[in-house]
N, C-alpha and C. Protein backbone atom coordinates (compact mmCIF):
# COMPACT_ATOMS: atom_id res chain seq x y z
N MET A 1 2.75 -8.97 -3.15
CA MET A 1 1.79 -8.53 -3.25
C MET A 1 1.82 -6.85 -3.43
N LYS A 2 2.67 -6.32 -2.67
CA LYS A 2 2.78 -5.00 -2.64
C LYS A 2 3.07 -4.56 -4.06
N GLY A 3 3.91 -5.28 -4.83
CA GLY A 3 4.66 -5.09 -6.28
C GLY A 3 3.27 -4.89 -7.30
N LEU A 4 2.24 -5.94 -6.72
CA LEU A 4 1.13 -5.86 -7.74
C LEU A 4 0.24 -4.77 -7.37
N ARG A 5 -0.04 -4.21 -6.23
CA ARG A 5 -0.78 -3.29 -5.81
C ARG A 5 -0.08 -1.75 -6.39
N GLU A 6 1.30 -1.37 -6.08
CA GLU A 6 2.04 -0.51 -6.93
C GLU A 6 2.15 -0.67 -8.51
N LYS A 7 2.02 -1.80 -8.74
CA LYS A 7 1.99 -1.51 -10.49
C LYS A 7 0.57 -0.91 -11.09
N ALA A 8 -0.67 -1.44 -9.96
CA ALA A 8 -2.08 -0.91 -10.51
C ALA A 8 -2.20 0.61 -10.08
N GLY A 9 -0.88 1.23 -9.57
CA GLY A 9 -0.89 2.59 -9.11
C GLY A 9 -2.16 2.92 -7.73
N LEU A 10 -2.06 1.90 -6.81
CA LEU A 10 -2.83 1.75 -5.87
C LEU A 10 -2.28 2.30 -4.43
N ARG A 11 -2.93 2.52 -3.38
CA ARG A 11 -2.10 3.04 -2.12
C ARG A 11 -2.80 1.80 -1.50
N THR A 12 -2.39 1.52 -0.21
CA THR A 12 -3.18 0.59 0.46
C THR A 12 -4.45 0.90 0.81
N VAL A 13 -4.89 2.24 1.19
CA VAL A 13 -6.41 2.85 1.55
C VAL A 13 -7.21 2.73 0.38
N ASP A 14 -6.68 2.84 -0.92
CA ASP A 14 -7.50 2.73 -2.03
C ASP A 14 -8.08 1.09 -2.19
N VAL A 15 -6.90 0.17 -2.10
CA VAL A 15 -7.43 -1.17 -2.18
C VAL A 15 -8.64 -1.66 -1.17
N ALA A 16 -8.15 -0.95 0.05
CA ALA A 16 -9.24 -1.39 1.42
C ALA A 16 -10.43 -0.73 0.75
N SER A 17 -10.78 0.65 0.25
CA SER A 17 -11.79 1.21 0.07
C SER A 17 -12.61 0.20 -0.63
N ARG A 18 -11.75 0.40 -2.04
CA ARG A 18 -12.79 -0.67 -3.19
C ARG A 18 -12.90 -2.01 -2.98
N LEU A 19 -12.11 -2.92 -1.57
CA LEU A 19 -12.66 -4.00 -1.55
C LEU A 19 -13.77 -4.11 -0.18
N GLY A 20 -13.91 -3.09 0.52
CA GLY A 20 -14.52 -3.03 1.50
C GLY A 20 -13.78 -3.88 2.78
N ILE A 21 -12.50 -3.79 2.72
CA ILE A 21 -11.88 -4.65 3.72
C ILE A 21 -10.92 -3.43 4.50
N ALA A 22 -10.42 -3.67 6.03
CA ALA A 22 -9.51 -2.82 6.53
C ALA A 22 -8.03 -2.43 6.00
N GLU A 23 -7.76 -1.32 5.94
CA GLU A 23 -6.35 -1.15 5.55
C GLU A 23 -5.09 -1.79 5.96
N SER A 24 -5.10 -2.26 7.28
CA SER A 24 -4.30 -3.09 8.02
C SER A 24 -4.09 -4.48 7.24
N THR A 25 -5.43 -4.98 6.83
CA THR A 25 -5.21 -6.24 5.72
C THR A 25 -4.43 -5.95 4.67
N VAL A 26 -4.66 -5.08 3.97
CA VAL A 26 -4.17 -4.95 2.89
C VAL A 26 -2.45 -4.65 3.19
N ARG A 27 -1.85 -4.15 4.25
CA ARG A 27 -0.59 -4.13 4.55
C ARG A 27 0.04 -5.52 4.84
N ASN A 28 -0.90 -6.15 5.45
CA ASN A 28 -0.48 -7.40 6.04
C ASN A 28 -0.35 -8.49 4.63
N TRP A 29 -0.99 -8.56 3.55
CA TRP A 29 -1.01 -9.09 2.51
C TRP A 29 0.45 -8.45 1.81
N ASP A 30 0.60 -7.23 1.61
CA ASP A 30 1.46 -6.45 1.21
C ASP A 30 3.02 -7.29 1.67
N ILE A 31 3.25 -7.19 2.94
CA ILE A 31 4.51 -7.95 3.76
C ILE A 31 4.69 -9.36 4.02
N GLY A 32 3.27 -10.17 3.27
CA GLY A 32 3.78 -11.87 3.58
C GLY A 32 2.92 -11.98 4.78
N ARG A 33 2.41 -11.40 5.68
CA ARG A 33 1.85 -11.99 7.00
C ARG A 33 0.71 -12.78 7.23
N HIS A 34 0.03 -12.22 5.74
CA HIS A 34 -1.41 -12.76 5.65
C HIS A 34 -1.27 -12.97 4.15
N THR A 35 -2.01 -14.15 3.49
CA THR A 35 -2.61 -14.13 2.40
C THR A 35 -3.68 -13.68 1.80
N PRO A 36 -4.51 -13.29 0.90
CA PRO A 36 -5.79 -12.91 0.75
C PRO A 36 -6.52 -13.97 0.83
N ARG A 37 -7.90 -14.16 1.47
CA ARG A 37 -8.61 -14.90 1.84
C ARG A 37 -9.82 -14.38 1.34
N LEU A 38 -10.79 -14.69 0.55
CA LEU A 38 -11.65 -13.93 -0.07
C LEU A 38 -13.07 -14.65 -0.33
N PRO A 39 -14.09 -14.46 0.03
CA PRO A 39 -14.97 -15.31 -0.57
C PRO A 39 -15.15 -15.49 -2.24
N ILE A 40 -15.52 -16.82 -2.76
CA ILE A 40 -15.17 -16.76 -4.27
C ILE A 40 -16.15 -15.69 -5.43
N GLU A 41 -17.01 -15.39 -4.63
CA GLU A 41 -17.58 -14.13 -5.36
C GLU A 41 -16.78 -12.75 -5.31
N ASP A 42 -15.80 -12.64 -4.71
CA ASP A 42 -15.33 -11.37 -4.35
C ASP A 42 -13.90 -11.45 -5.32
N ILE A 43 -13.48 -12.56 -5.96
CA ILE A 43 -12.46 -12.76 -6.78
C ILE A 43 -12.43 -12.16 -8.02
N PRO A 44 -13.35 -11.86 -8.39
CA PRO A 44 -13.28 -11.17 -9.90
C PRO A 44 -13.21 -9.61 -9.38
N LYS A 45 -13.73 -8.88 -8.42
CA LYS A 45 -13.65 -7.73 -7.72
C LYS A 45 -12.05 -7.39 -7.59
N PHE A 46 -11.63 -8.50 -6.88
CA PHE A 46 -10.09 -8.24 -6.39
C PHE A 46 -9.33 -8.06 -7.68
N LEU A 47 -9.49 -8.79 -8.47
CA LEU A 47 -8.71 -9.01 -9.72
C LEU A 47 -8.79 -7.90 -10.81
N GLU A 48 -10.15 -7.50 -10.69
CA GLU A 48 -10.36 -6.00 -11.30
C GLU A 48 -9.42 -4.91 -10.43
N VAL A 49 -9.47 -4.83 -9.18
CA VAL A 49 -8.65 -3.93 -8.77
C VAL A 49 -7.33 -3.86 -9.02
N TYR A 50 -6.78 -4.81 -8.61
CA TYR A 50 -5.53 -5.30 -8.67
C TYR A 50 -4.85 -5.28 -9.99
N GLN A 51 -5.60 -5.48 -11.07
CA GLN A 51 -5.59 -5.33 -12.69
C GLN A 51 -4.31 -6.34 -13.04
N CYS A 52 -4.75 -7.83 -12.83
CA CYS A 52 -3.82 -8.79 -12.69
C CYS A 52 -4.53 -10.08 -12.93
N THR A 53 -3.96 -11.13 -13.25
CA THR A 53 -4.49 -12.11 -13.55
C THR A 53 -4.38 -13.19 -12.26
N LEU A 54 -5.56 -14.09 -11.50
CA LEU A 54 -5.19 -15.11 -10.72
C LEU A 54 -3.58 -15.49 -10.52
N GLU A 55 -3.33 -16.18 -11.46
CA GLU A 55 -2.10 -16.70 -11.65
C GLU A 55 -0.88 -15.66 -10.92
N GLU A 56 -1.06 -14.15 -11.55
CA GLU A 56 -0.25 -13.36 -10.72
C GLU A 56 -0.33 -13.24 -8.88
N VAL A 57 -1.56 -13.04 -8.92
CA VAL A 57 -2.10 -12.90 -7.16
C VAL A 57 -1.16 -14.08 -6.90
N ILE A 58 -1.22 -15.45 -7.29
CA ILE A 58 -0.83 -16.72 -6.40
C ILE A 58 0.67 -16.59 -6.22
N GLU A 59 1.39 -16.17 -7.18
CA GLU A 59 2.74 -15.90 -7.29
C GLU A 59 3.19 -14.95 -6.25
N ALA A 60 2.62 -13.63 -6.49
CA ALA A 60 2.87 -12.67 -5.63
C ALA A 60 2.84 -13.00 -4.27
N ALA A 61 1.77 -13.62 -4.09
CA ALA A 61 1.09 -13.83 -2.61
C ALA A 61 2.48 -15.33 -2.04
N LYS A 62 3.02 -15.90 -3.06
CA LYS A 62 3.90 -16.68 -2.61
C LYS A 62 5.23 -16.12 -2.18
N GLU A 63 5.21 -14.89 -3.13
CA GLU A 63 6.90 -14.26 -3.05
C GLU A 63 6.74 -13.66 -1.73
N SER A 64 5.64 -12.81 -1.62
CA SER A 64 5.47 -12.24 -0.40
C SER A 64 5.79 -12.93 1.03
N LYS A 65 4.97 -14.23 1.08
CA LYS A 65 4.88 -14.90 2.02
C LYS A 65 6.47 -15.80 2.33
N ARG A 66 7.27 -15.73 1.25
CA ARG A 66 8.60 -16.29 1.44
C ARG A 66 9.44 -14.95 1.85
N LYS A 67 9.24 -14.17 1.55
CA LYS A 67 10.04 -12.77 2.39
C LYS A 67 9.86 -12.83 3.54
N PHE A 68 8.35 -12.93 3.83
CA PHE A 68 8.40 -12.25 5.20
C PHE A 68 8.84 -13.73 6.41
N ASP A 69 8.66 -14.86 5.73
CA ASP A 69 9.02 -16.22 6.29
C ASP A 69 10.46 -15.86 6.65
N ALA A 70 11.47 -15.55 5.76
CA ALA A 70 12.75 -15.32 5.41
C ALA A 70 13.15 -14.29 6.71
N SER A 71 12.48 -13.15 6.74
CA SER A 71 12.76 -12.30 7.51
C SER A 71 12.43 -12.39 9.04
N HIS A 72 11.49 -13.17 9.24
CA HIS A 72 11.30 -13.67 10.64
C HIS A 72 11.74 -15.01 10.85
N SER A 73 12.36 -15.65 10.29
CA SER A 73 13.21 -16.86 10.83
C SER A 73 14.74 -16.98 11.61
């Protein structure tokens, strides 16, 4: 997730502000502690902010989770 955010040229505070969520939530997505859980109506805005496809988000979230799990096992 961090890679997607950085590819879009955004800081955690930028994403948090644009999506109306806590910056800590974005940081947790970045490290794979949590995956994005948004109401269905918020998904288009999320994809617009991250400038990516749904498939890219799914893969990025899986990779972040794998890294998090590997570093905490």
